């Protein structure tokens, strides 16, 4: 302010530059993003310190102070990452659609039904001495097959 600048926290048409740190530029803070979209120059905070130290306006259009290129690269990187994410999500959606279509195939994954005569788990693990399946036709048949062997 002492050098004649007007300071504001808003980015508008009248703003000619935004003072910021390299961290703010690479992390694309809200003001940095807004400045980039409105083509407002991003200037390193060291510029204002040099102006105050010499009591005169120093040209900020140098590699030392101008951070626009870093901001543009950061924006491009963010946009590329967003596109990659959208592409992956799109591929996952398509894959889910294929899987859902396959889920509705009523014959997929099924074998011919087997009549067990009861619903005890002993039929799965081969236990022929199950106290609940004494009269079960399946257990009787398996006992008969084993005795013939």
Protein backbone atom coordinates (compact mmCIF):
# COMPACT_ATOMS: atom_id res chain seq x y z
CA UNK A 1 0.00 0.00 0.00
CA UNK A 2 2.85 2.37 0.83
CA UNK A 3 4.04 2.09 -2.79
CA UNK A 4 0.62 2.97 -4.21
CA UNK A 5 -0.88 -0.50 -4.66
CA UNK A 6 -4.50 -1.33 -3.94
CA UNK A 7 -4.90 -4.58 -2.03
CA UNK A 8 -7.98 -6.81 -2.27
CA UNK A 9 -8.81 -10.39 -1.38
CA UNK A 10 -11.08 -10.79 -4.43
CA UNK A 11 -10.04 -11.59 -8.01
CA UNK A 12 -11.81 -9.22 -10.41
CA UNK A 13 -11.24 -7.48 -13.77
CA UNK A 14 -9.30 -4.70 -12.06
CA UNK A 15 -6.76 -7.07 -10.46
CA UNK A 16 -3.44 -7.01 -12.34
CA UNK A 17 -1.52 -9.57 -10.30
CA UNK A 18 -1.84 -11.99 -7.42
CA UNK A 19 0.94 -12.28 -4.86
CA UNK A 20 1.45 -15.90 -3.88
CA UNK A 21 3.95 -18.51 -2.83
CA UNK A 22 5.15 -21.34 -5.04
CA UNK A 23 3.32 -23.72 -2.66
CA UNK A 24 0.01 -21.94 -3.33
CA UNK A 25 0.62 -22.18 -7.08
CA UNK A 26 1.57 -25.87 -7.16
CA UNK A 27 -1.34 -26.75 -4.86
CA UNK A 28 -3.71 -24.60 -6.92
CA UNK A 29 -5.43 -22.69 -4.15
CA UNK A 30 -8.80 -21.14 -4.97
CA UNK A 31 -7.34 -17.68 -5.67
CA UNK A 32 -4.60 -19.14 -7.86
CA UNK A 33 -7.14 -21.12 -9.91
CA UNK A 34 -9.33 -18.05 -10.30
CA UNK A 35 -6.34 -15.91 -11.32
CA UNK A 36 -5.31 -18.48 -13.93
CA UNK A 37 -8.79 -18.64 -15.43
CA UNK A 38 -8.92 -14.81 -15.61
CA UNK A 39 -5.36 -14.56 -17.02
CA UNK A 40 -4.12 -12.60 -14.00
CA UNK A 41 -0.36 -12.83 -13.39
CA UNK A 42 0.85 -14.93 -10.46
CA UNK A 43 3.78 -13.17 -8.79
CA UNK A 44 6.10 -14.51 -6.08
CA UNK A 45 5.75 -12.71 -2.73
CA UNK A 46 9.48 -11.93 -2.84
CA UNK A 47 8.67 -9.36 -5.53
CA UNK A 48 6.83 -7.10 -3.09
CA UNK A 49 9.69 -7.43 -0.58
CA UNK A 50 12.16 -6.31 -3.23
CA UNK A 51 9.93 -3.39 -4.18
CA UNK A 52 9.68 -2.30 -0.55
CA UNK A 53 13.42 -2.73 0.01
CA UNK A 54 14.31 -0.52 -2.95
CA UNK A 55 11.34 1.83 -2.52
CA UNK A 56 10.52 1.43 -6.23
CA UNK A 57 8.49 -0.87 -8.46
CA UNK A 58 10.59 -3.79 -9.71
CA UNK A 59 9.61 -5.52 -12.98
CA UNK A 60 7.90 -8.79 -12.10
CA UNK A 61 7.90 -10.19 -15.64
CA UNK A 62 11.02 -12.25 -14.94
CA UNK A 63 11.55 -15.94 -14.21
CA UNK A 64 12.51 -14.92 -10.67
CA UNK A 65 9.04 -13.57 -9.85
CA UNK A 66 6.47 -14.69 -12.44
CA UNK A 67 4.83 -18.02 -11.48
CA UNK A 68 2.28 -18.32 -14.30
CA UNK A 69 4.11 -21.18 -16.03
CA UNK A 70 4.16 -23.27 -12.86
CA UNK A 71 0.44 -22.60 -12.36
CA UNK A 72 -0.43 -23.58 -15.93
CA UNK A 73 1.54 -26.81 -15.60
CA UNK A 74 -0.20 -27.58 -12.30
CA UNK A 75 -3.61 -26.92 -13.90
CA UNK A 76 -2.78 -29.16 -16.87
CA UNK A 77 -1.59 -31.90 -14.51
CA UNK A 78 -4.81 -31.64 -12.48
CA UNK A 79 -6.96 -31.75 -15.63
CA UNK A 80 -5.03 -34.79 -16.93
CA UNK A 81 -5.49 -36.56 -13.60
CA UNK A 82 -9.21 -35.75 -13.66
CA UNK A 83 -9.50 -37.17 -17.19
CA UNK A 84 -7.65 -40.34 -16.15
CA UNK A 85 -9.96 -40.76 -13.15
CA UNK A 86 -13.06 -40.27 -15.32
CA UNK A 87 -11.74 -42.79 -17.85
CA UNK A 88 -11.09 -45.38 -15.11
CA UNK A 89 -14.55 -44.80 -13.63
CA UNK A 90 -16.10 -45.15 -17.08
CA UNK A 91 -14.24 -48.41 -17.66
CA UNK A 92 -15.33 -49.68 -14.25
CA UNK A 93 -18.96 -48.79 -15.02
CA UNK A 94 -18.78 -50.67 -18.32
CA UNK A 95 -17.21 -53.65 -16.54
CA UNK A 96 -19.94 -53.60 -13.88
CA UNK A 97 -22.58 -53.53 -16.62
CA UNK A 98 -21.02 -56.61 -18.23
CA UNK A 99 -20.84 -58.36 -14.85
CA UNK A 100 -24.47 -57.47 -14.08
CA UNK A 101 -25.59 -58.82 -17.45
CA UNK A 102 -23.72 -62.04 -16.71
CA UNK A 103 -25.31 -62.29 -13.25
CA UNK A 104 -28.76 -62.61 -14.80
CA UNK A 105 -27.84 -65.72 -16.80
CA UNK A 106 -30.10 -68.16 -14.97
CA UNK A 107 -28.12 -71.22 -16.07
CA UNK A 108 -24.66 -69.91 -15.26
CA UNK A 109 -22.93 -71.55 -12.30
CA UNK A 110 -25.63 -74.13 -11.61
CA UNK A 111 -25.34 -77.89 -11.77
CA UNK A 112 -28.18 -80.35 -12.08
CA UNK A 113 -30.25 -80.41 -8.89
CA UNK A 114 -29.77 -83.43 -6.61
CA UNK A 115 -32.58 -84.65 -4.41
CA UNK A 116 -31.10 -85.18 -0.96
CA UNK A 117 -34.22 -85.99 0.95
CA UNK A 118 -33.18 -83.69 3.78
CA UNK A 119 -31.23 -80.50 4.33
CA UNK A 120 -28.55 -81.54 6.80
CA UNK A 121 -24.93 -80.42 6.39
CA UNK A 122 -23.70 -83.96 6.90
CA UNK A 123 -24.36 -84.58 3.21
CA UNK A 124 -21.73 -81.97 2.34
CA UNK A 125 -19.02 -83.24 4.67
CA UNK A 126 -19.67 -86.98 4.14
CA UNK A 127 -20.65 -87.81 7.73
CA UNK A 128 -22.58 -91.09 7.68
CA UNK A 129 -23.14 -91.16 11.47
CA UNK A 130 -25.29 -88.02 11.67
CA UNK A 131 -27.89 -88.45 14.47
CA UNK A 132 -30.47 -86.40 12.49
CA UNK A 133 -30.17 -88.39 9.26
CA UNK A 134 -30.87 -91.91 10.52
CA UNK A 135 -33.85 -92.34 8.15
CA UNK A 136 -32.47 -90.11 5.36
CA UNK A 137 -32.59 -91.92 1.98
CA UNK A 138 -29.36 -90.25 0.90
CA UNK A 139 -27.43 -91.41 4.00
CA UNK A 140 -28.89 -94.93 3.66
CA UNK A 141 -27.80 -95.05 0.00
CA UNK A 142 -24.25 -93.86 0.84
CA UNK A 143 -23.93 -96.42 3.67
CA UNK A 144 -25.08 -99.13 1.26
CA UNK A 145 -22.49 -98.03 -1.38
CA UNK A 146 -19.67 -98.05 1.18
CA UNK A 147 -20.55 -101.50 2.48
CA UNK A 148 -20.45 -102.88 -1.07
CA UNK A 149 -16.91 -101.53 -1.58
